C-alpha atoms as a PDB file:
ATOM      1  CA  MET A   1       0.000   0.000   0.000  1.00  0.00           C
ATOM      2  CA  SER A   2       1.317   3.447  -0.905  1.00  0.00           C
ATOM      3  CA  THR A   3       2.339   5.673   2.002  1.00  0.00           C
ATOM      4  CA  GLN A   4       2.315   8.840  -0.110  1.00  0.00           C
ATOM      5  CA  THR A   5       0.163  11.546   1.452  1.00  0.00           C
ATOM      6  CA  TYR A   6      -2.467  12.997  -0.834  1.00  0.00           C
ATOM      7  CA  GLN A   7      -1.826  16.715  -1.146  1.00  0.00           C
ATOM      8  CA  SER A   8      -4.939  18.875  -1.250  1.00  0.00           C
ATOM      9  CA  ILE A   9      -5.576  22.609  -1.295  1.00  0.00           C
ATOM     10  CA  TRP A  10      -8.679  21.938   0.802  1.00  0.00           C
ATOM     11  CA  ALA A  11      -6.553  20.458   3.580  1.00  0.00           C
ATOM     12  CA  GLU A  12      -5.336  24.022   4.126  1.00  0.00           C
ATOM     13  CA  LEU A  13      -8.872  25.051   5.061  1.00  0.00           C
ATOM     14  CA  ARG A  14      -9.690  22.319   7.611  1.00  0.00           C
ATOM     15  CA  ASN A  15      -9.008  24.563  10.580  1.00  0.00           C
ATOM     16  CA  THR A  16      -9.833  27.866   8.869  1.00  0.00           C
ATOM     17  CA  ALA A  17     -13.036  29.775   9.487  1.00  0.00           C
ATOM     18  CA  PHE A  18     -13.880  31.246   6.091  1.00  0.00           C
ATOM     19  CA  CYS A  19     -16.783  31.832   3.755  1.00  0.00           C
ATOM     20  CA  GLN A  20     -17.344  31.959   0.015  1.00  0.00           C
ATOM     21  CA  GLY A  21     -19.757  34.458  -1.452  1.00  0.00           C
ATOM     22  CA  TRP A  22     -20.852  36.436  -4.479  1.00  0.00           C
ATOM     23  CA  VAL A  23     -21.674  40.127  -4.690  1.00  0.00           C
ATOM     24  CA  ASP A  24     -22.779  42.479  -7.462  1.00  0.00           C
ATOM     25  CA  ALA A  25     -19.775  44.735  -8.089  1.00  0.00           C
ATOM     26  CA  GLY A  26     -20.692  47.314 -10.702  1.00  0.00           C
ATOM     27  CA  GLY A  27     -22.938  44.839 -12.504  1.00  0.00           C
ATOM     28  CA  ILE A  28     -20.364  42.024 -12.349  1.00  0.00           C
ATOM     29  CA  ARG A  29     -21.276  38.957 -10.305  1.00  0.00           C
ATOM     30  CA  THR A  30     -18.117  38.686  -8.241  1.00  0.00           C
ATOM     31  CA  ARG A  31     -16.968  35.720  -6.208  1.00  0.00           C
ATOM     32  CA  TYR A  32     -14.745  36.040  -3.145  1.00  0.00           C
ATOM     33  CA  LEU A  33     -13.302  34.081  -0.253  1.00  0.00           C
ATOM     34  CA  HIS A  34     -13.357  35.854   3.113  1.00  0.00           C
ATOM     35  CA  ALA A  35     -11.697  35.099   6.430  1.00  0.00           C
ATOM     36  CA  GLY A  36     -11.220  37.098   9.604  1.00  0.00           C
ATOM     37  CA  PRO A  37     -13.376  39.537  11.586  1.00  0.00           C
ATOM     38  CA  GLU A  38     -14.763  42.303   9.390  1.00  0.00           C
ATOM     39  CA  GLU A  39     -13.914  44.913  12.026  1.00  0.00           C
ATOM     40  CA  LYS A  40     -10.190  44.265  11.464  1.00  0.00           C
ATOM     41  CA  PRO A  41      -8.269  46.179   8.745  1.00  0.00           C
ATOM     42  CA  ALA A  42      -9.148  44.995   5.243  1.00  0.00           C
ATOM     43  CA  LEU A  43      -6.635  43.062   3.148  1.00  0.00           C
ATOM     44  CA  ILE A  44      -7.450  42.423  -0.524  1.00  0.00           C
ATOM     45  CA  LEU A  45      -5.577  39.610  -2.285  1.00  0.00           C
ATOM     46  CA  LEU A  46      -5.464  39.646  -6.091  1.00  0.00           C
ATOM     47  CA  HIS A  47      -4.512  36.633  -8.231  1.00  0.00           C
ATOM     48  CA  GLY A  48      -2.731  36.504 -11.584  1.00  0.00           C
ATOM     49  CA  VAL A  49      -4.088  36.317 -15.127  1.00  0.00           C
ATOM     50  CA  GLY A  50      -6.110  33.162 -15.693  1.00  0.00           C
ATOM     51  CA  GLY A  51      -6.089  32.612 -11.939  1.00  0.00           C
ATOM     52  CA  HIS A  52      -8.590  32.571  -9.101  1.00  0.00           C
ATOM     53  CA  ALA A  53      -8.915  33.063  -5.348  1.00  0.00           C
ATOM     54  CA  GLU A  54      -7.614  29.555  -4.566  1.00  0.00           C
ATOM     55  CA  ALA A  55      -4.137  30.992  -5.114  1.00  0.00           C
ATOM     56  CA  TYR A  56      -4.411  32.143  -1.485  1.00  0.00           C
ATOM     57  CA  VAL A  57      -6.030  29.187   0.316  1.00  0.00           C
ATOM     58  CA  ARG A  58      -2.795  28.540   2.210  1.00  0.00           C
ATOM     59  CA  ASN A  59      -2.623  32.101   3.503  1.00  0.00           C
ATOM     60  CA  LEU A  60      -6.152  32.726   4.753  1.00  0.00           C
ATOM     61  CA  ARG A  61      -5.813  31.260   8.240  1.00  0.00           C
ATOM     62  CA  SER A  62      -2.630  33.074   9.271  1.00  0.00           C
ATOM     63  CA  HIS A  63      -3.732  36.400   7.820  1.00  0.00           C
ATOM     64  CA  ALA A  64      -7.234  36.202   9.293  1.00  0.00           C
ATOM     65  CA  GLU A  65      -5.681  36.556  12.751  1.00  0.00           C
ATOM     66  CA  HIS A  66      -4.737  40.127  11.827  1.00  0.00           C
ATOM     67  CA  PHE A  67      -6.998  41.217   8.964  1.00  0.00           C
ATOM     68  CA  SER A  68     -10.376  40.994   7.330  1.00  0.00           C
ATOM     69  CA  VAL A  69      -9.083  39.063   4.314  1.00  0.00           C
ATOM     70  CA  TRP A  70     -10.743  39.146   0.905  1.00  0.00           C
ATOM     71  CA  ALA A  71      -9.407  36.950  -1.914  1.00  0.00           C
ATOM     72  CA  VAL A  72     -11.292  38.139  -4.980  1.00  0.00           C
ATOM     73  CA  ASP A  73     -11.919  36.522  -8.353  1.00  0.00           C
ATOM     74  CA  MET A  74     -11.282  39.481 -10.641  1.00  0.00           C
ATOM     75  CA  VAL A  75     -13.622  40.134 -13.567  1.00  0.00           C
ATOM     76  CA  GLY A  76     -13.291  37.440 -16.230  1.00  0.00           C
ATOM     77  CA  HIS A  77     -11.636  35.050 -13.785  1.00  0.00           C
ATOM     78  CA  GLY A  78     -12.474  32.237 -11.423  1.00  0.00           C
ATOM     79  CA  TRP A  79     -16.186  32.016 -10.665  1.00  0.00           C
ATOM     80  CA  SER A  80     -16.873  35.691 -11.295  1.00  0.00           C
ATOM     81  CA  ASP A  81     -18.606  36.690 -14.530  1.00  0.00           C
ATOM     82  CA  THR A  82     -16.615  35.762 -17.621  1.00  0.00           C
ATOM     83  CA  ALA A  83     -15.226  38.579 -19.747  1.00  0.00           C
ATOM     84  CA  THR A  84     -17.293  39.947 -22.632  1.00  0.00           C
ATOM     85  CA  GLU A  85     -14.808  42.704 -23.551  1.00  0.00           C
ATOM     86  CA  ASP A  86     -11.048  43.097 -23.621  1.00  0.00           C
ATOM     87  CA  LEU A  87      -9.730  43.558 -20.101  1.00  0.00           C
ATOM     88  CA  GLU A  88      -7.071  46.213 -19.717  1.00  0.00           C
ATOM     89  CA  ILE A  89      -5.847  47.443 -16.353  1.00  0.00           C
ATOM     90  CA  GLN A  90      -8.467  50.161 -15.939  1.00  0.00           C
ATOM     91  CA  GLN A  91     -11.282  47.594 -16.312  1.00  0.00           C
ATOM     92  CA  TYR A  92      -9.784  45.618 -13.426  1.00  0.00           C
ATOM     93  CA  ILE A  93      -9.422  48.797 -11.375  1.00  0.00           C
ATOM     94  CA  ARG A  94     -13.072  49.716 -11.888  1.00  0.00           C
ATOM     95  CA  HIS A  95     -14.112  46.230 -10.866  1.00  0.00           C
ATOM     96  CA  ILE A  96     -12.072  46.204  -7.648  1.00  0.00           C
ATOM     97  CA  LEU A  97     -13.275  49.688  -6.700  1.00  0.00           C
ATOM     98  CA  ALA A  98     -16.855  48.520  -7.267  1.00  0.00           C
ATOM     99  CA  PHE A  99     -16.164  45.456  -5.119  1.00  0.00           C
ATOM    100  CA  MET A 100     -14.793  47.621  -2.315  1.00  0.00           C
ATOM    101  CA  ASP A 101     -17.811  49.897  -2.477  1.00  0.00           C
ATOM    102  CA  ALA A 102     -20.210  46.939  -2.490  1.00  0.00           C
ATOM    103  CA  MET A 103     -18.536  45.491   0.621  1.00  0.00           C
ATOM    104  CA  GLY A 104     -18.208  48.855   2.389  1.00  0.00           C
ATOM    105  CA  ILE A 105     -14.390  48.814   2.293  1.00  0.00           C
ATOM    106  CA  VAL A 106     -13.067  52.371   2.356  1.00  0.00           C
ATOM    107  CA  ARG A 107      -9.346  51.549   2.504  1.00  0.00           C
ATOM    108  CA  ALA A 108      -7.426  48.301   2.330  1.00  0.00           C
ATOM    109  CA  HIS A 109      -4.010  46.758   2.275  1.00  0.00           C
ATOM    110  CA  PHE A 110      -3.406  45.302  -1.188  1.00  0.00           C
ATOM    111  CA  SER A 111      -1.304  42.288  -2.086  1.00  0.00           C
ATOM    112  CA  GLY A 112      -1.227  41.177  -5.700  1.00  0.00           C
ATOM    113  CA  GLU A 113       0.513  38.375  -7.554  1.00  0.00           C
ATOM    114  CA  SER A 114       1.426  38.739 -11.253  1.00  0.00           C
ATOM    115  CA  LEU A 115      -1.527  40.535 -12.918  1.00  0.00           C
ATOM    116  CA  GLY A 116      -2.912  41.159  -9.444  1.00  0.00           C
ATOM    117  CA  GLY A 117       0.267  43.048  -8.556  1.00  0.00           C
ATOM    118  CA  TRP A 118      -0.056  45.114 -11.715  1.00  0.00           C
ATOM    119  CA  VAL A 119      -3.624  46.027 -10.764  1.00  0.00           C
ATOM    120  CA  ALA A 120      -2.676  46.702  -7.135  1.00  0.00           C
ATOM    121  CA  ALA A 121       0.187  48.994  -8.165  1.00  0.00           C
ATOM    122  CA  ARG A 122      -2.059  50.953 -10.526  1.00  0.00           C
ATOM    123  CA  MET A 123      -4.632  51.212  -7.747  1.00  0.00           C
ATOM    124  CA  ALA A 124      -1.999  52.713  -5.455  1.00  0.00           C
ATOM    125  CA  ILE A 125      -0.939  55.161  -8.177  1.00  0.00           C
ATOM    126  CA  ASP A 126      -4.403  56.347  -9.216  1.00  0.00           C
ATOM    127  CA  HIS A 127      -6.332  55.917  -5.953  1.00  0.00           C
ATOM    128  CA  PRO A 128      -3.842  56.432  -3.117  1.00  0.00           C
ATOM    129  CA  GLU A 129      -6.672  57.190  -0.689  1.00  0.00           C
ATOM    130  CA  ARG A 130      -7.885  53.570  -0.999  1.00  0.00           C
ATOM    131  CA  VAL A 131      -4.523  51.841  -0.372  1.00  0.00           C
ATOM    132  CA  VAL A 132      -2.854  51.505   3.036  1.00  0.00           C
ATOM    133  CA  ARG A 133       0.095  49.195   2.324  1.00  0.00           C
ATOM    134  CA  LEU A 134       1.088  47.502  -0.930  1.00  0.00           C
ATOM    135  CA  VAL A 135       2.740  44.155  -1.661  1.00  0.00           C
ATOM    136  CA  LEU A 136       3.827  43.362  -5.217  1.00  0.00           C
ATOM    137  CA  ASN A 137       4.402  39.600  -5.441  1.00  0.00           C
ATOM    138  CA  THR A 138       6.181  38.548  -8.669  1.00  0.00           C
ATOM    139  CA  ALA A 139       4.108  41.374 -10.087  1.00  0.00           C
ATOM    140  CA  GLY A 140       3.500  42.163 -13.725  1.00  0.00           C
ATOM    141  CA  GLY A 141       3.338  45.575 -15.304  1.00  0.00           C
ATOM    142  CA  SER A 142       6.962  46.654 -15.496  1.00  0.00           C
ATOM    143  CA  GLN A 143       8.144  44.843 -18.620  1.00  0.00           C
ATOM    144  CA  ALA A 144       7.074  43.328 -21.938  1.00  0.00           C
ATOM    145  CA  ASP A 145       9.009  40.169 -22.772  1.00  0.00           C
ATOM    146  CA  PRO A 146       7.597  38.753 -26.038  1.00  0.00           C
ATOM    147  CA  LYS A 147       8.657  35.166 -25.285  1.00  0.00           C
ATOM    148  CA  VAL A 148       7.036  35.154 -21.849  1.00  0.00           C
ATOM    149  CA  MET A 149       3.893  36.838 -23.174  1.00  0.00           C
ATOM    150  CA  GLU A 150       3.529  34.329 -26.020  1.00  0.00           C
ATOM    151  CA  ARG A 151       4.098  31.339 -23.717  1.00  0.00           C
ATOM    152  CA  LEU A 152       1.533  32.534 -21.196  1.00  0.00           C
ATOM    153  CA  LYS A 153      -1.018  33.339 -23.878  1.00  0.00           C
ATOM    154  CA  THR A 154      -0.540  30.015 -25.659  1.00  0.00           C
ATOM    155  CA  LEU A 155      -0.863  27.922 -22.492  1.00  0.00           C
ATOM    156  CA  SER A 156      -3.918  29.822 -21.280  1.00  0.00           C
ATOM    157  CA  LEU A 157      -5.827  29.848 -24.574  1.00  0.00           C
ATOM    158  CA  GLN A 158      -5.042  26.177 -25.129  1.00  0.00           C
ATOM    159  CA  ALA A 159      -6.271  25.256 -21.652  1.00  0.00           C
ATOM    160  CA  ALA A 160      -9.516  27.222 -22.056  1.00  0.00           C
ATOM    161  CA  ALA A 161     -10.182  25.919 -25.580  1.00  0.00           C
ATOM    162  CA  ASP A 162      -9.557  22.301 -24.609  1.00  0.00           C
ATOM    163  CA  PRO A 163      -9.767  22.009 -20.795  1.00  0.00           C
ATOM    164  CA  THR A 164      -8.468  18.469 -20.655  1.00  0.00           C
ATOM    165  CA  TRP A 165      -6.327  17.391 -17.728  1.00  0.00           C
ATOM    166  CA  GLY A 166      -3.002  17.589 -19.547  1.00  0.00           C
ATOM    167  CA  PHE A 167      -3.415  21.143 -20.792  1.00  0.00           C
ATOM    168  CA  ILE A 168      -4.711  22.415 -17.432  1.00  0.00           C
ATOM    169  CA  LYS A 169      -1.923  20.665 -15.543  1.00  0.00           C
ATOM    170  CA  ALA A 170       0.690  22.222 -17.841  1.00  0.00           C
ATOM    171  CA  ARG A 171      -0.767  25.667 -17.151  1.00  0.00           C
ATOM    172  CA  VAL A 172      -0.679  25.109 -13.378  1.00  0.00           C
ATOM    173  CA  GLU A 173       2.813  23.612 -13.457  1.00  0.00           C
ATOM    174  CA  TRP A 174       4.053  26.743 -15.254  1.00  0.00           C
ATOM    175  CA  LEU A 175       3.429  28.583 -11.987  1.00  0.00           C
ATOM    176  CA  MET A 176       5.596  26.315  -9.861  1.00  0.00           C
ATOM    177  CA  ALA A 177       9.309  25.740  -9.447  1.00  0.00           C
ATOM    178  CA  ASP A 178       8.430  22.465  -7.702  1.00  0.00           C
ATOM    179  CA  LYS A 179       6.046  20.826 -10.160  1.00  0.00           C
ATOM    180  CA  SER A 180       4.801  18.432  -7.457  1.00  0.00           C
ATOM    181  CA  LYS A 181       2.993  21.406  -5.920  1.00  0.00           C
ATOM    182  CA  ALA A 182       0.555  21.351  -8.859  1.00  0.00           C
ATOM    183  CA  TYR A 183      -1.822  19.255  -6.757  1.00  0.00           C
ATOM    184  CA  ASP A 184      -4.501  17.227  -8.472  1.00  0.00           C
ATOM    185  CA  ASP A 185      -7.354  19.090  -6.821  1.00  0.00           C
ATOM    186  CA  LEU A 186      -5.800  22.443  -7.769  1.00  0.00           C
ATOM    187  CA  VAL A 187      -5.715  21.230 -11.366  1.00  0.00           C
ATOM    188  CA  ALA A 188      -9.300  19.953 -11.027  1.00  0.00           C
ATOM    189  CA  THR A 189     -10.456  23.303  -9.642  1.00  0.00           C
ATOM    190  CA  ARG A 190      -8.929  25.198 -12.534  1.00  0.00           C
ATOM    191  CA  GLN A 191     -10.264  22.627 -14.989  1.00  0.00           C
ATOM    192  CA  ALA A 192     -13.811  23.259 -13.754  1.00  0.00           C
ATOM    193  CA  ILE A 193     -13.307  27.015 -14.065  1.00  0.00           C
ATOM    194  CA  TYR A 194     -11.864  26.807 -17.575  1.00  0.00           C
ATOM    195  CA  ALA A 195     -14.719  24.515 -18.671  1.00  0.00           C
ATOM    196  CA  ARG A 196     -17.349  27.123 -17.741  1.00  0.00           C
ATOM    197  CA  PRO A 197     -19.645  28.356 -20.518  1.00  0.00           C
ATOM    198  CA  GLY A 198     -18.135  31.471 -22.043  1.00  0.00           C
ATOM    199  CA  MET A 199     -14.613  30.896 -20.727  1.00  0.00           C
ATOM    200  CA  LYS A 200     -13.140  29.925 -24.106  1.00  0.00           C
ATOM    201  CA  GLU A 201     -14.101  33.303 -25.575  1.00  0.00           C
ATOM    202  CA  GLY A 202     -13.559  35.104 -22.291  1.00  0.00           C
ATOM    203  CA  MET A 203      -9.968  33.922 -22.040  1.00  0.00           C
ATOM    204  CA  LYS A 204      -9.189  35.760 -25.274  1.00  0.00           C
ATOM    205  CA  HIS A 205     -10.321  38.967 -23.550  1.00  0.00           C
ATOM    206  CA  ASN A 206      -8.256  38.060 -20.463  1.00  0.00           C
ATOM    207  CA  MET A 207      -5.144  37.591 -22.576  1.00  0.00           C
ATOM    208  CA  ILE A 208      -5.284  40.960 -24.334  1.00  0.00           C
ATOM    209  CA  LEU A 209      -2.489  42.308 -22.129  1.00  0.00           C
ATOM    210  CA  GLN A 210      -0.194  39.750 -23.742  1.00  0.00           C
ATOM    211  CA  GLU A 211      -0.515  41.670 -27.041  1.00  0.00           C
ATOM    212  CA  MET A 212       2.441  44.034 -27.332  1.00  0.00           C
ATOM    213  CA  GLU A 213       0.555  47.166 -28.427  1.00  0.00           C
ATOM    214  CA  VAL A 214      -2.004  46.763 -25.626  1.00  0.00           C
ATOM    215  CA  ARG A 215       0.632  45.949 -23.060  1.00  0.00           C
ATOM    216  CA  GLN A 216       2.692  49.004 -23.928  1.00  0.00           C
ATOM    217  CA  ARG A 217      -0.202  51.402 -23.297  1.00  0.00           C
ATOM    218  CA  ASN A 218      -0.857  49.749 -19.902  1.00  0.00           C
ATOM    219  CA  ILE A 219       2.723  49.263 -18.774  1.00  0.00           C
ATOM    220  CA  LEU A 220       3.955  51.007 -15.625  1.00  0.00           C
ATOM    221  CA  ARG A 221       7.013  53.190 -16.075  1.00  0.00           C
ATOM    222  CA  ALA A 222       9.346  54.943 -13.678  1.00  0.00           C
ATOM    223  CA  ASP A 223       7.143  58.041 -13.458  1.00  0.00           C
ATOM    224  CA  ASP A 224       4.168  55.847 -12.551  1.00  0.00           C
ATOM    225  CA  TYR A 225       5.970  53.879  -9.860  1.00  0.00           C
ATOM    226  CA  GLY A 226       7.356  57.130  -8.518  1.00  0.00           C
ATOM    227  CA  ARG A 227       3.804  58.207  -7.639  1.00  0.00           C
ATOM    228  CA  VAL A 228       3.191  55.299  -5.261  1.00  0.00           C
ATOM    229  CA  GLN A 229       2.621  56.750  -1.805  1.00  0.00           C
ATOM    230  CA  ALA A 230       1.809  53.581   0.125  1.00  0.00           C
ATOM    231  CA  PRO A 231       4.599  51.738   1.930  1.00  0.00           C
ATOM    232  CA  THR A 232       5.551  48.981  -0.511  1.00  0.00           C
ATOM    233  CA  LEU A 233       7.195  45.566  -0.395  1.00  0.00           C
ATOM    234  CA  VAL A 234       8.278  43.852  -3.611  1.00  0.00           C
ATOM    235  CA  ILE A 235       8.601  40.059  -3.322  1.00  0.00           C
ATOM    236  CA  TRP A 236      10.412  38.121  -6.022  1.00  0.00           C
ATOM    237  CA  THR A 237      11.567  34.530  -6.320  1.00  0.00           C
ATOM    238  CA  SER A 238      14.672  32.686  -7.434  1.00  0.00           C
ATOM    239  CA  ASP A 239      12.799  30.790 -10.177  1.00  0.00           C
ATOM    240  CA  ASP A 240      10.069  33.108 -11.394  1.00  0.00           C
ATOM    241  CA  PRO A 241       9.130  32.155 -14.985  1.00  0.00           C
ATOM    242  CA  THR A 242       8.282  35.718 -16.033  1.00  0.00           C
ATOM    243  CA  ALA A 243      11.519  37.525 -15.119  1.00  0.00           C
ATOM    244  CA  ASP A 244      14.666  37.064 -13.084  1.00  0.00           C
ATOM    245  CA  VAL A 245      15.474  38.694  -9.774  1.00  0.00           C
ATOM    246  CA  SER A 246      16.984  41.773 -11.423  1.00  0.00           C
ATOM    247  CA  GLU A 247      13.552  42.785 -12.757  1.00  0.00           C
ATOM    248  CA  GLY A 248      12.002  42.598  -9.304  1.00  0.00           C
ATOM    249  CA  ARG A 249      14.822  44.719  -7.896  1.00  0.00           C
ATOM    250  CA  ARG A 250      14.398  47.225 -10.735  1.00  0.00           C
ATOM    251  CA  MET A 251      10.692  47.488  -9.968  1.00  0.00           C
ATOM    252  CA  ALA A 252      11.381  48.132  -6.305  1.00  0.00           C
ATOM    253  CA  SER A 253      14.064  50.701  -7.130  1.00  0.00           C
ATOM    254  CA  MET A 254      11.458  52.903  -8.842  1.00  0.00           C
ATOM    255  CA  ILE A 255       9.042  52.995  -5.869  1.00  0.00           C
ATOM    256  CA  PRO A 256       9.744  55.527  -3.118  1.00  0.00           C
ATOM    257  CA  GLY A 257      11.063  53.779  -0.014  1.00  0.00           C
ATOM    258  CA  ALA A 258      10.234  50.296  -1.305  1.00  0.00           C
ATOM    259  CA  LEU A 259      11.548  47.157   0.357  1.00  0.00           C
ATOM    260  CA  PHE A 260      12.708  44.188  -1.698  1.00  0.00           C
ATOM    261  CA  THR A 261      13.185  40.520  -0.869  1.00  0.00           C
ATOM    262  CA  VAL A 262      13.703  37.215  -2.681  1.00  0.00           C
ATOM    263  CA  ILE A 263      12.176  33.871  -1.702  1.00  0.00           C
ATOM    264  CA  ASP A 264      14.357  30.973  -2.846  1.00  0.00           C
ATOM    265  CA  GLY A 265      13.126  27.789  -4.461  1.00  0.00           C
ATOM    266  CA  CYS A 266       9.827  29.193  -5.721  1.00  0.00           C
ATOM    267  CA  GLY A 267       8.313  30.109  -9.061  1.00  0.00           C
ATOM    268  CA  HIS A 268       5.375  32.442  -9.657  1.00  0.00           C
ATOM    269  CA  TRP A 269       3.349  31.470  -6.560  1.00  0.00           C
ATOM    270  CA  PRO A 270       5.608  31.844  -3.489  1.00  0.00           C
ATOM    271  CA  GLN A 271       2.532  32.317  -1.293  1.00  0.00           C
ATOM    272  CA  PHE A 272       1.558  28.739  -2.209  1.00  0.00           C
ATOM    273  CA  GLU A 273       4.933  27.040  -2.706  1.00  0.00           C
ATOM    274  CA  ASP A 274       6.641  28.282   0.486  1.00  0.00           C
ATOM    275  CA  THR A 275       3.778  29.472   2.641  1.00  0.00           C
ATOM    276  CA  PRO A 276       5.676  29.700   5.970  1.00  0.00           C
ATOM    277  CA  THR A 277       8.364  31.972   4.525  1.00  0.00           C
ATOM    278  CA  PHE A 278       5.886  34.069   2.558  1.00  0.00           C
ATOM    279  CA  ASP A 279       3.532  34.482   5.518  1.00  0.00           C
ATOM    280  CA  ARG A 280       6.317  35.481   7.894  1.00  0.00           C
ATOM    281  CA  ILE A 281       7.596  38.206   5.558  1.00  0.00           C
ATOM    282  CA  HIS A 282       4.161  39.295   4.365  1.00  0.00           C
ATOM    283  CA  LEU A 283       2.589  39.609   7.804  1.00  0.00           C
ATOM    284  CA  ALA A 284       5.566  41.449   9.284  1.00  0.00           C
ATOM    285  CA  PHE A 285       5.385  44.054   6.537  1.00  0.00           C
ATOM    286  CA  LEU A 286       1.600  44.441   6.595  1.00  0.00           C
ATOM    287  CA  ASN A 287       1.667  44.835  10.377  1.00  0.00           C
ATOM    288  CA  GLY A 288       4.291  47.583  10.133  1.00  0.00           C
ATOM    289  CA  GLN A 289       7.005  45.471  11.747  1.00  0.00           C
ATOM    290  CA  PRO A 290      10.652  45.148  10.691  1.00  0.00           C
ATOM    291  CA  VAL A 291      11.263  42.714   7.829  1.00  0.00           C
ATOM    292  CA  PRO A 292      14.803  41.375   8.376  1.00  0.00           C
ATOM    293  CA  GLU A 293      14.738  39.499   5.068  1.00  0.00           C
ATOM    294  CA  ALA A 294      14.076  42.680   3.081  1.00  0.00           C
ATOM    295  CA  GLU A 295      16.351  45.521   2.008  1.00  0.00           C
ATOM    296  CA  ARG A 296      15.350  49.076   1.158  1.00  0.00           C
ATOM    297  CA  VAL A 297      16.095  49.761  -2.487  1.00  0.00           C
ATOM    298  CA  GLY A 298      13.527  52.423  -3.423  1.00  0.00           C
ATOM    299  CA  PRO A 299      14.618  56.055  -3.687  1.00  0.00           C
END
């Protein structure tokens, strides 16, 4: 008999008090996961392109001790309404602002991974009154690498057009340095999402930022990052598939007073691959405590 332990994202929630819900956010039926007392400071967690709130199932319990935590399926993603128009950064911003208003959230800490970091950074630039602290976790928005863009687009469109196990698993494994972390039930969750009616066409709208012309008009440049007022932590990884450590450091160097740190042995999802390290760094920063692992590189 095999002694291998079955690895499940749902095992992370066994001792976590949380709820799943849907709310109308500016006409978009929006799904979220919530944990923690609502009277605590709000923390909004934003996933990457093609992703969903399950990116943060391993972080809900620890963060709920300190915050009212909201992991949101952004428009076109997860179990929120599928996209019916091309989604550029301002569409995501409008959706998250509508979500905040619907839930009565005036200000929040923001932590975003990949696309979610791009959206969170733009939120801090354009709506500084809504952002308390900002974490950019292997965030997009600072560069346009044609090879990375084409790979991400190809994997995502293929998985949505033909959501068979192999294509979905390849898309999930792309996120991980340790491919064994692409758990079967994580693949199954994404498979169910990608098989939704409308997702095949919707994914084309989700992927529009992988088109060079569109990306260039949404990209964040030094002048943009220089307008970030919120205290900021940039987290990168040793094995991120979108860019090496130098790009994360460059991003941080453009943000006033930003801290920068690298988590070893992880790909695009350090919050999932090395949860203890991520949570320790993340919570220290969000709680305004010293982060020994981080260095100040921003001007």
